[in-house]
Amino acid sequence: MSLEEIRKANLFRVIYLGICFMVLFTAYFAGQNLMTQIYKQLGYNSLGAICFFFIIATFGLVSVLASHYYKMISARTGIIYGGAAYVGFIFAGALATYCYKYESNTYFCSTPFLYSFNILTAMILGTGSAFLWLCQSTYINACADEQTRGTYSGIFESIFQVSQILSGVIATVVLGYLDQFSFYVILVLFGVVYVVMSSFIKHPVEYTDAKEQPAIENNTTLRESLKVFYDTLVADKYRFLYTSVVFSGVAMSFCFSYLGTAVTMTVNSADENIINSRTGVVFIMLAIGEILSGFTMGRFADKYDKIKLLGVCMMILEGGLLLTFFAMLLKNYSFAIVCGALWGYGDTAMATLLSVIIGSKFNASPQVFSVYRFLANVSGSLSIATTIVVPKSTPMLLIMIIAGALLSCQVLFYQNLKKQDPKINEREERLLIELKNLA
């Protein structure tokens, strides 16, 4: 096959994988985005936030081991079974809403069982996510070469993020006319469709001049793999990347766990259906930002300095946080809609650039991808824990804490980048010499 034919064949695989993820995450995002407030409406206070915490915490912890066991399964296997874990968590939501709708008094509808079952399925989802996203990252990078890496990553992200719009539409339409149980039944059906579709995923077509991808040797022990993971975690050359990963993890975990609550503070109504529908509109705007970001940032990454673009994306997310603050302060729903778009654009832009940078500068290392997911989810779990611990009566305090964390990460990002890139030091030295000459 010619290079152009290989690219076209792999582009088809990227598009198909994006469609599979779109189907799965239509179900997951619809449940996740409204999970906290729906569970509150059912009387399960903090259960949504607790589940989200366990998802992210487990995801991060299992990511430490994922690069070791990754070699034992194919990318398709990881994508199928990792996605199936999401379906189990959605089923837990269906059970909770079923018990509420029919006022069942069975053991399976008791509060202790529902809490335990939701937390268990959240941990299973976190475990599956570690393999799902590692396999996805390496699969997309295997489909691309250096000239198409950003474009392919952006195309995948844009197709995948259509799920945000579909999930928002489902939330707005279904919850506007039907109850929460019917909503979750529809989401479970989407999950089943994903499992069927993902079984038809094909292996990437190899490029004849492709570099050999780094991998853990088959005879590597778990202890040796953990040492490799640790060495990758503490290596100086990755630090600028890791600070941006932590930034993204804190920002987006705050967004997905708290944006729904923030929107309710801007809606002048006590009607649950109206609140849920308007929250769904904000998440549709978030999805539009995600989709536009995938197409634009992927192409930008192939043409411009990827690391400079990463710094710009940080500022976009900070703008989303600032606008969220004003939306809550002024109780302005229009601001909430705009901040949804900013959060969405910044989220996909960060995800695209991080994947491209790891693929381009670090040869798509599974260890670096694992550390990426580990740090993103550990920092995300701390962000969610903050939203649980900080009193609900002081939402502005919460935003100030998150803002402080983001600014700290951004400062560390530029400090570590300065150490990593000698050109930055050279430019500064030349500037100092010029200033001295002028003096």
Protein backbone atom coordinates (compact mmCIF):
# COMPACT_ATOMS: atom_id res chain seq x y z
CA MET A 1 0.00 0.00 0.00
CA SER A 2 1.12 3.55 -0.71
CA LEU A 3 1.53 6.06 2.11
CA GLU A 4 -1.67 7.81 1.05
CA GLU A 5 -3.63 4.54 1.05
CA ILE A 6 -2.31 3.68 4.54
CA ARG A 7 -3.36 7.09 5.81
CA LYS A 8 -6.85 6.71 4.37
CA ALA A 9 -7.27 3.22 5.81
CA ASN A 10 -6.14 4.38 9.23
CA LEU A 11 -8.29 7.51 9.04
CA PHE A 12 -11.30 5.24 8.57
CA ARG A 13 -10.26 3.33 11.71
CA VAL A 14 -9.92 6.58 13.66
CA ILE A 15 -13.38 7.71 12.54
CA TYR A 16 -14.93 4.35 13.43
CA LEU A 17 -13.33 4.37 16.88
CA GLY A 18 -14.60 7.92 17.36
CA ILE A 19 -18.14 6.80 16.51
CA CYS A 20 -17.90 3.90 18.99
CA PHE A 21 -16.77 6.26 21.74
CA MET A 22 -19.49 8.72 20.74
CA VAL A 23 -22.14 6.05 21.34
CA LEU A 24 -20.71 4.97 24.70
CA PHE A 25 -20.11 8.44 26.05
CA THR A 26 -23.49 9.69 24.91
CA ALA A 27 -24.78 7.40 27.62
CA TYR A 28 -22.04 8.09 30.15
CA PHE A 29 -21.94 11.89 29.83
CA ALA A 30 -25.73 12.13 30.01
CA GLY A 31 -25.64 10.24 33.29
CA GLN A 32 -22.47 11.88 34.63
CA ASN A 33 -23.41 15.48 33.87
CA LEU A 34 -26.72 15.20 35.73
CA MET A 35 -25.77 12.45 38.18
CA THR A 36 -25.08 14.73 41.15
CA GLN A 37 -28.33 16.67 40.95
CA ILE A 38 -30.50 13.66 39.99
CA TYR A 39 -29.20 11.67 42.97
CA LYS A 40 -29.94 14.67 45.18
CA GLN A 41 -33.49 14.70 43.82
CA LEU A 42 -33.78 10.99 44.70
CA GLY A 43 -32.63 11.72 48.25
CA TYR A 44 -29.12 10.21 47.94
CA ASN A 45 -27.16 13.22 49.11
CA SER A 46 -23.55 13.43 47.86
CA LEU A 47 -23.79 9.96 46.22
CA GLY A 48 -23.14 11.40 42.76
CA ALA A 49 -20.03 13.27 43.88
CA ILE A 50 -18.83 10.25 45.89
CA CYS A 51 -19.18 7.98 42.83
CA PHE A 52 -17.33 10.47 40.66
CA PHE A 53 -14.54 10.59 43.26
CA PHE A 54 -14.17 6.78 43.26
CA ILE A 55 -14.20 6.67 39.45
CA ILE A 56 -11.35 9.11 39.14
CA ALA A 57 -9.37 7.82 42.14
CA THR A 58 -9.56 4.20 40.90
CA PHE A 59 -8.76 5.30 37.35
CA GLY A 60 -5.62 7.03 38.60
CA LEU A 61 -4.44 4.19 40.82
CA VAL A 62 -5.02 1.44 38.25
CA SER A 63 -3.16 3.54 35.67
CA VAL A 64 0.01 2.74 37.65
CA LEU A 65 -0.42 -0.94 36.70
CA ALA A 66 -2.04 -0.49 33.29
CA SER A 67 1.18 -0.14 31.30
CA HIS A 68 2.35 -3.50 32.71
CA TYR A 69 -0.79 -5.49 31.89
CA TYR A 70 -1.36 -3.56 28.67
CA LYS A 71 1.03 -5.88 26.80
CA MET A 72 -1.12 -8.91 27.68
CA ILE A 73 -4.19 -7.72 25.76
CA SER A 74 -4.87 -6.28 22.32
CA ALA A 75 -6.02 -2.69 21.91
CA ARG A 76 -9.43 -3.95 20.75
CA THR A 77 -9.84 -6.12 23.86
CA GLY A 78 -9.02 -3.19 26.14
CA ILE A 79 -11.46 -0.97 24.27
CA ILE A 80 -14.30 -3.54 24.40
CA TYR A 81 -14.03 -4.56 28.04
CA GLY A 82 -12.98 -1.13 29.26
CA GLY A 83 -16.13 0.31 27.70
CA ALA A 84 -18.30 -2.47 29.12
CA ALA A 85 -17.36 -1.26 32.62
CA TYR A 86 -19.17 2.00 31.84
CA VAL A 87 -22.36 0.09 31.07
CA GLY A 88 -22.30 -1.50 34.53
CA PHE A 89 -22.11 1.91 36.19
CA ILE A 90 -25.00 3.24 34.11
CA PHE A 91 -27.02 0.17 35.15
CA ALA A 92 -26.42 1.14 38.80
CA GLY A 93 -28.07 4.49 38.05
CA ALA A 94 -30.98 2.69 36.41
CA LEU A 95 -31.43 0.56 39.55
CA ALA A 96 -31.43 3.63 41.83
CA THR A 97 -34.04 5.43 39.71
CA TYR A 98 -36.13 2.24 39.44
CA CYS A 99 -36.27 1.95 43.23
CA TYR A 100 -37.28 5.59 43.55
CA LYS A 101 -39.96 5.38 40.84
CA TYR A 102 -41.65 2.23 42.14
CA GLU A 103 -40.93 2.86 45.84
CA SER A 104 -39.57 -0.66 46.19
CA ASN A 105 -38.64 -1.93 49.66
CA THR A 106 -36.55 -4.91 48.53
CA TYR A 107 -32.99 -5.42 49.74
CA PHE A 108 -31.63 -4.29 46.36
CA CYS A 109 -33.39 -0.96 46.86
CA SER A 110 -32.18 -0.36 50.39
CA THR A 111 -30.01 2.71 50.88
CA PRO A 112 -26.90 0.77 52.08
CA PHE A 113 -27.06 -1.57 49.06
CA LEU A 114 -27.57 1.25 46.56
CA TYR A 115 -24.67 3.23 47.98
CA SER A 116 -22.43 0.14 48.00
CA PHE A 117 -23.46 -0.99 44.52
CA ASN A 118 -22.94 2.45 42.98
CA ILE A 119 -19.51 2.79 44.58
CA LEU A 120 -18.51 -0.74 43.47
CA THR A 121 -19.56 -0.12 39.86
CA ALA A 122 -17.78 3.25 40.00
CA MET A 123 -14.54 1.47 40.99
CA ILE A 124 -15.05 -1.11 38.21
CA LEU A 125 -15.57 1.77 35.77
CA GLY A 126 -12.36 3.42 36.99
CA THR A 127 -10.46 0.17 36.43
CA GLY A 128 -11.90 -0.26 32.94
CA SER A 129 -11.15 3.38 32.11
CA ALA A 130 -7.44 2.92 32.80
CA PHE A 131 -7.23 0.30 30.05
CA LEU A 132 -9.80 1.89 27.74
CA TRP A 133 -7.96 5.21 27.49
CA LEU A 134 -4.47 3.71 27.37
CA CYS A 135 -5.57 1.48 24.48
CA GLN A 136 -7.33 4.40 22.80
CA SER A 137 -4.24 6.65 23.04
CA THR A 138 -1.83 4.07 21.66
CA TYR A 139 -4.35 3.01 18.98
CA ILE A 140 -4.78 6.56 17.63
CA ASN A 141 -1.03 7.17 17.63
CA ALA A 142 -0.48 3.85 15.80
CA CYS A 143 -2.96 5.02 13.14
CA ALA A 144 -1.09 8.29 12.59
CA ASP A 145 2.31 9.38 11.36
CA GLU A 146 4.11 12.60 12.26
CA GLN A 147 2.25 14.62 9.60
CA THR A 148 -1.23 13.45 10.63
CA ARG A 149 -0.92 12.93 14.39
CA GLY A 150 -2.60 16.19 15.39
CA THR A 151 -5.28 15.95 12.70
CA TYR A 152 -6.22 12.36 13.56
CA SER A 153 -6.28 13.09 17.28
CA GLY A 154 -8.45 16.14 16.63
CA ILE A 155 -10.84 14.19 14.38
CA PHE A 156 -11.23 11.48 17.02
CA GLU A 157 -11.84 14.07 19.75
CA SER A 158 -14.43 15.93 17.67
CA ILE A 159 -16.40 12.82 16.75
CA PHE A 160 -16.15 11.49 20.29
CA GLN A 161 -17.30 14.84 21.72
CA VAL A 162 -20.48 14.79 19.62
CA SER A 163 -21.58 12.58 22.51
CA GLN A 164 -21.74 15.74 24.63
CA ILE A 165 -24.39 17.20 22.31
CA LEU A 166 -26.33 13.94 22.05
CA SER A 167 -26.20 13.46 25.81
CA GLY A 168 -27.40 17.02 26.33
CA VAL A 169 -30.23 16.55 23.83
CA ILE A 170 -31.27 13.30 25.49
CA ALA A 171 -31.18 14.93 28.92
CA THR A 172 -33.18 17.94 27.72
CA VAL A 173 -35.80 15.98 25.77
CA VAL A 174 -36.19 12.84 27.90
CA LEU A 175 -36.11 14.56 31.28
CA GLY A 176 -38.49 17.20 29.93
CA TYR A 177 -41.17 14.55 29.30
CA LEU A 178 -40.19 11.31 31.05
CA ASP A 179 -38.92 10.31 34.49
CA GLN A 180 -35.37 9.56 35.63
CA PHE A 181 -35.78 5.77 35.31
CA SER A 182 -36.76 5.99 31.62
CA PHE A 183 -33.76 8.27 31.13
CA TYR A 184 -31.33 5.66 32.52
CA VAL A 185 -32.93 2.78 30.59
CA ILE A 186 -32.19 4.65 27.35
CA LEU A 187 -28.60 5.18 28.48
CA VAL A 188 -28.12 1.45 29.17
CA LEU A 189 -29.30 0.67 25.61
CA PHE A 190 -26.65 3.03 24.21
CA GLY A 191 -24.03 1.16 26.23
CA VAL A 192 -25.09 -2.19 24.80
CA VAL A 193 -24.84 -0.82 21.25
CA TYR A 194 -21.26 0.28 22.00
CA VAL A 195 -20.21 -3.20 23.12
CA VAL A 196 -21.51 -4.67 19.85
CA MET A 197 -19.92 -1.98 17.65
CA SER A 198 -16.51 -2.10 19.35
CA SER A 199 -16.16 -5.82 18.61
CA PHE A 200 -15.68 -4.87 14.91
CA ILE A 201 -12.67 -2.56 15.49
CA LYS A 202 -9.73 -3.42 13.19
CA HIS A 203 -6.00 -3.20 13.93
CA PRO A 204 -4.18 -0.14 12.50
CA VAL A 205 -2.37 -0.56 9.19
CA GLU A 206 1.36 -0.26 9.90
CA TYR A 207 3.46 2.43 8.23
CA THR A 208 6.43 0.93 6.42
CA ASP A 209 8.78 3.59 7.82
CA ALA A 210 7.19 3.75 11.27
CA LYS A 211 9.40 3.88 14.32
CA GLU A 212 9.17 0.93 16.62
CA GLN A 213 6.79 1.76 19.45
CA PRO A 214 8.21 1.54 22.97
CA ALA A 215 6.80 -1.34 24.96
CA ILE A 216 7.45 -3.29 28.11
CA GLU A 217 9.19 -6.59 27.34
CA ASN A 218 7.10 -9.71 27.80
CA ASN A 219 9.43 -11.03 30.49
CA THR A 220 9.28 -7.81 32.54
CA THR A 221 8.09 -8.42 36.08
CA LEU A 222 5.47 -6.28 37.79
CA ARG A 223 8.14 -4.91 40.12
CA GLU A 224 10.29 -3.88 37.17
CA SER A 225 7.28 -2.30 35.48
CA LEU A 226 6.48 -0.29 38.61
CA LYS A 227 10.09 0.93 38.67
CA VAL A 228 9.79 2.02 35.04
CA PHE A 229 6.56 3.82 35.92
CA TYR A 230 8.25 5.58 38.87
CA ASP A 231 11.28 6.56 36.79
CA THR A 232 8.94 7.99 34.16
CA LEU A 233 7.00 9.85 36.83
CA VAL A 234 10.04 11.59 38.34
CA ALA A 235 12.02 12.22 35.14
CA ASP A 236 12.85 15.92 34.70
CA LYS A 237 12.13 15.98 30.97
CA TYR A 238 8.44 15.23 31.52
CA ARG A 239 7.77 17.75 34.29
CA PHE A 240 6.43 20.54 32.07
CA LEU A 241 4.00 18.00 30.61
CA TYR A 242 2.90 16.68 34.01
CA THR A 243 2.13 20.12 35.43
CA SER A 244 -0.19 20.76 32.49
CA VAL A 245 -1.80 17.34 33.06
CA VAL A 246 -2.48 18.22 36.71
CA PHE A 247 -3.89 21.58 35.59
CA SER A 248 -6.26 19.82 33.20
CA GLY A 249 -7.27 17.21 35.80
CA VAL A 250 -8.14 19.82 38.44
CA ALA A 251 -9.98 22.09 36.00
CA MET A 252 -12.10 19.49 34.22
CA SER A 253 -12.97 17.47 37.33
CA PHE A 254 -14.23 20.67 38.90
CA CYS A 255 -16.18 21.43 35.74
CA PHE A 256 -17.90 18.05 35.41
CA SER A 257 -18.61 17.66 39.12
CA TYR A 258 -19.72 21.24 39.82
CA LEU A 259 -20.89 22.93 36.61
CA GLY A 260 -24.37 21.40 36.92
CA THR A 261 -24.66 22.75 40.47
CA ALA A 262 -23.36 26.15 39.36
CA VAL A 263 -25.98 26.33 36.60
CA THR A 264 -28.82 25.64 39.06
CA MET A 265 -27.78 28.80 40.94
CA THR A 266 -28.42 30.85 37.77
CA VAL A 267 -31.87 29.36 36.97
CA ASN A 268 -34.75 31.32 38.45
CA SER A 269 -37.09 28.36 38.95
CA ALA A 270 -37.79 25.62 41.50
CA ASP A 271 -39.21 23.22 38.88
CA GLU A 272 -36.87 20.18 38.62
CA ASN A 273 -37.70 19.58 34.95
CA ILE A 274 -36.85 23.18 34.03
CA ILE A 275 -33.61 23.06 36.03
CA ASN A 276 -32.58 19.76 34.42
CA SER A 277 -33.47 20.98 30.92
CA ARG A 278 -31.55 24.26 31.26
CA THR A 279 -28.57 22.42 32.68
CA GLY A 280 -28.74 20.17 29.62
CA VAL A 281 -28.57 23.25 27.35
CA VAL A 282 -25.36 24.39 29.05
CA PHE A 283 -23.81 20.97 28.50
CA ILE A 284 -24.87 21.13 24.84
CA MET A 285 -22.90 24.37 24.57
CA LEU A 286 -20.00 22.61 26.28
CA ALA A 287 -20.24 19.90 23.62
CA ILE A 288 -20.22 22.44 20.77
CA GLY A 289 -17.01 23.87 22.23
CA GLU A 290 -15.54 20.35 22.43
CA ILE A 291 -16.34 19.57 18.79
CA LEU A 292 -15.02 22.87 17.41
CA SER A 293 -11.87 22.46 19.47
CA GLY A 294 -11.12 18.99 18.12
CA PHE A 295 -11.21 20.07 14.48
CA THR A 296 -9.33 23.34 14.98
CA MET A 297 -6.75 22.39 17.62
CA GLY A 298 -5.79 19.18 15.81
CA ARG A 299 -4.86 21.13 12.69
CA PHE A 300 -3.14 23.85 14.73
CA ALA A 301 -1.03 21.16 16.45
CA ASP A 302 0.28 19.94 13.07
CA LYS A 303 1.22 23.48 11.99
CA TYR A 304 2.27 25.46 15.08
CA ASP A 305 4.26 25.09 18.29
CA LYS A 306 2.35 22.50 20.33
CA ILE A 307 3.70 23.62 23.70
CA LYS A 308 2.81 27.28 23.15
CA LEU A 309 -0.71 26.16 22.21
CA LEU A 310 -0.86 24.22 25.47
CA GLY A 311 -0.22 27.45 27.40
CA VAL A 312 -3.02 29.18 25.49
CA CYS A 313 -5.42 26.36 26.37
CA MET A 314 -4.65 26.83 30.05
CA MET A 315 -5.76 30.44 29.79
CA ILE A 316 -8.99 29.37 28.06
CA LEU A 317 -9.86 27.08 30.98
CA GLU A 318 -9.02 29.86 33.44
CA GLY A 319 -11.42 32.06 31.50
CA GLY A 320 -14.11 29.39 31.90
CA LEU A 321 -13.55 29.33 35.66
CA LEU A 322 -13.68 33.13 35.88
CA LEU A 323 -16.92 33.30 33.91
CA THR A 324 -18.42 30.55 36.09
CA PHE A 325 -17.64 32.75 39.10
CA PHE A 326 -19.45 35.73 37.59
CA ALA A 327 -22.40 33.59 36.44
CA MET A 328 -22.95 32.40 40.02
CA LEU A 329 -22.29 35.81 41.54
CA LEU A 330 -24.66 37.66 39.22
CA LYS A 331 -27.09 34.69 38.85
CA ASN A 332 -26.80 35.14 35.09
CA TYR A 333 -27.86 32.09 33.03
CA SER A 334 -26.47 33.62 29.81
CA PHE A 335 -23.00 33.67 31.37
CA ALA A 336 -23.47 30.01 32.32
CA ILE A 337 -24.13 29.15 28.66
CA VAL A 338 -20.97 30.94 27.49
CA CYS A 339 -18.79 29.42 30.21
CA GLY A 340 -20.03 25.97 29.12
CA ALA A 341 -18.60 26.64 25.64
CA LEU A 342 -15.27 27.82 27.10
CA TRP A 343 -14.94 24.75 29.34
CA GLY A 344 -15.68 22.50 26.36
CA TYR A 345 -13.21 24.14 24.00
CA GLY A 346 -10.45 24.11 26.59
CA ASP A 347 -11.07 20.49 27.60
CA THR A 348 -10.75 18.97 24.13
CA ALA A 349 -7.91 21.32 23.21
CA MET A 350 -5.90 20.16 26.24
CA ALA A 351 -6.68 16.47 25.60
CA THR A 352 -5.71 16.75 21.92
CA LEU A 353 -2.45 18.57 22.59
CA LEU A 354 -1.38 16.30 25.44
CA SER A 355 -1.93 13.22 23.27
CA VAL A 356 -0.10 14.78 20.32
CA ILE A 357 2.84 15.94 22.45
CA ILE A 358 3.26 12.48 24.00
CA GLY A 359 2.99 10.86 20.57
CA SER A 360 5.32 13.31 18.84
CA LYS A 361 7.96 14.18 21.44
CA PHE A 362 7.92 10.96 23.50
CA ASN A 363 7.16 8.39 20.76
CA ALA A 364 3.70 7.46 22.13
CA SER A 365 5.23 5.79 25.18
CA PRO A 366 2.64 3.64 27.04
CA GLN A 367 4.42 4.52 30.30
CA VAL A 368 4.04 8.26 29.68
CA PHE A 369 0.37 7.78 28.75
CA SER A 370 -0.12 5.80 31.99
CA VAL A 371 1.53 8.53 34.09
CA TYR A 372 -0.62 11.07 32.24
CA ARG A 373 -3.83 9.25 33.24
CA PHE A 374 -2.53 8.66 36.76
CA LEU A 375 -1.77 12.32 37.43
CA ALA A 376 -4.92 13.57 35.70
CA ASN A 377 -7.13 11.37 37.82
CA VAL A 378 -5.31 11.79 41.13
CA SER A 379 -5.45 15.57 40.74
CA GLY A 380 -9.05 15.26 39.57
CA SER A 381 -10.04 13.21 42.61
CA LEU A 382 -8.52 15.87 44.88
CA SER A 383 -10.52 18.50 43.00
CA ILE A 384 -13.73 16.53 43.51
CA ALA A 385 -12.90 15.89 47.16
CA THR A 386 -12.62 19.66 47.56
CA THR A 387 -16.12 20.14 46.10
CA ILE A 388 -17.43 17.59 48.66
CA VAL A 389 -15.57 18.97 51.68
CA VAL A 390 -16.04 22.72 51.12
CA PRO A 391 -19.44 23.76 52.55
CA LYS A 392 -22.14 24.22 49.92
CA SER A 393 -22.97 27.56 51.52
CA THR A 394 -19.61 29.00 50.40
CA PRO A 395 -19.39 28.29 46.64
CA MET A 396 -17.15 31.31 46.03
CA LEU A 397 -14.57 29.89 48.45
CA LEU A 398 -14.51 26.70 46.37
CA ILE A 399 -13.86 28.61 43.15
CA MET A 400 -11.04 30.58 44.79
CA ILE A 401 -9.38 27.33 45.94
CA ILE A 402 -9.60 25.87 42.42
CA ALA A 403 -8.33 29.12 40.90
CA GLY A 404 -5.33 29.07 43.25
CA ALA A 405 -4.53 25.48 42.25
CA LEU A 406 -4.75 26.30 38.53
CA LEU A 407 -2.53 29.37 38.79
CA SER A 408 0.06 27.37 40.76
CA CYS A 409 0.10 24.68 38.05
CA GLN A 410 0.50 27.28 35.33
CA VAL A 411 3.48 28.88 37.07
CA LEU A 412 5.13 25.47 37.52
CA PHE A 413 4.41 24.64 33.87
CA TYR A 414 6.43 27.62 32.64
CA GLN A 415 9.19 27.10 35.20
CA ASN A 416 9.65 23.45 34.19
CA LEU A 417 9.39 24.32 30.51
CA LYS A 418 12.14 26.87 30.96
CA LYS A 419 14.41 24.17 32.41
CA GLN A 420 13.48 21.73 29.64
CA ASP A 421 13.89 24.06 26.67
CA PRO A 422 17.39 25.60 26.43
CA LYS A 423 16.17 27.94 23.70
CA ILE A 424 14.08 29.78 26.28
CA ASN A 425 17.17 30.38 28.42
CA GLU A 426 19.15 31.45 25.35
CA ARG A 427 16.48 34.00 24.42
CA GLU A 428 16.46 35.37 27.96
CA GLU A 429 20.27 35.61 28.02
CA ARG A 430 20.28 37.49 24.69
CA LEU A 431 17.60 39.83 26.02
CA LEU A 432 19.64 40.55 29.18
CA ILE A 433 22.74 41.28 27.09
CA GLU A 434 20.75 43.68 24.87
CA LEU A 435 19.33 45.43 27.94
CA LYS A 436 22.83 45.78 29.45
CA ASN A 437 24.12 47.24 26.15
CA LEU A 438 21.26 49.71 26.10
CA ALA A 439 22.03 50.70 29.70
